[in-house]
Amino acid sequence: MANASSRTKFSLGSSSAKLVLQNLPFVFFLGFLATLYIANAHYAEKKIRDIQLLQREVKDLRQEYNSKEAEIMVHSRRSELSKRVKPLGLQQSAVRPKKIVVQELDQP
């Protein structure tokens, strides 16, 4: 009996407290799910910000590419090339280049 008296009984005053204790694992599970839901929302928002940043960067790089391509097109025109090489003493040839044809020899 001494052993039984040393144990204290945990008595609950109402049936609602018993119901809460019986469903405590489920309450913890719901808390865990709520934590996962919040973490997932933060993760998704971070990914959306990263995607928007990358889209902005792609847009800027595309604009830079188009401007460089247009610049190259302008500088590669025949008139622009002749203007750029004139200070070097080079000029466009008035004579067409000759085509060199090499005939192959039949070797036994």
Foldseek 3Di string as FASTA:
>chain_A
DVVVVVDDDDDDDDVVVVVCVVCVVVVVVVVVVVVVVVVVVVVVVVVVVVVVVVVVVVVVVVVVVVVVVVVVVVCPDPVNVQVVCVVVVDHDDPDDDDDDDDDDDDDD
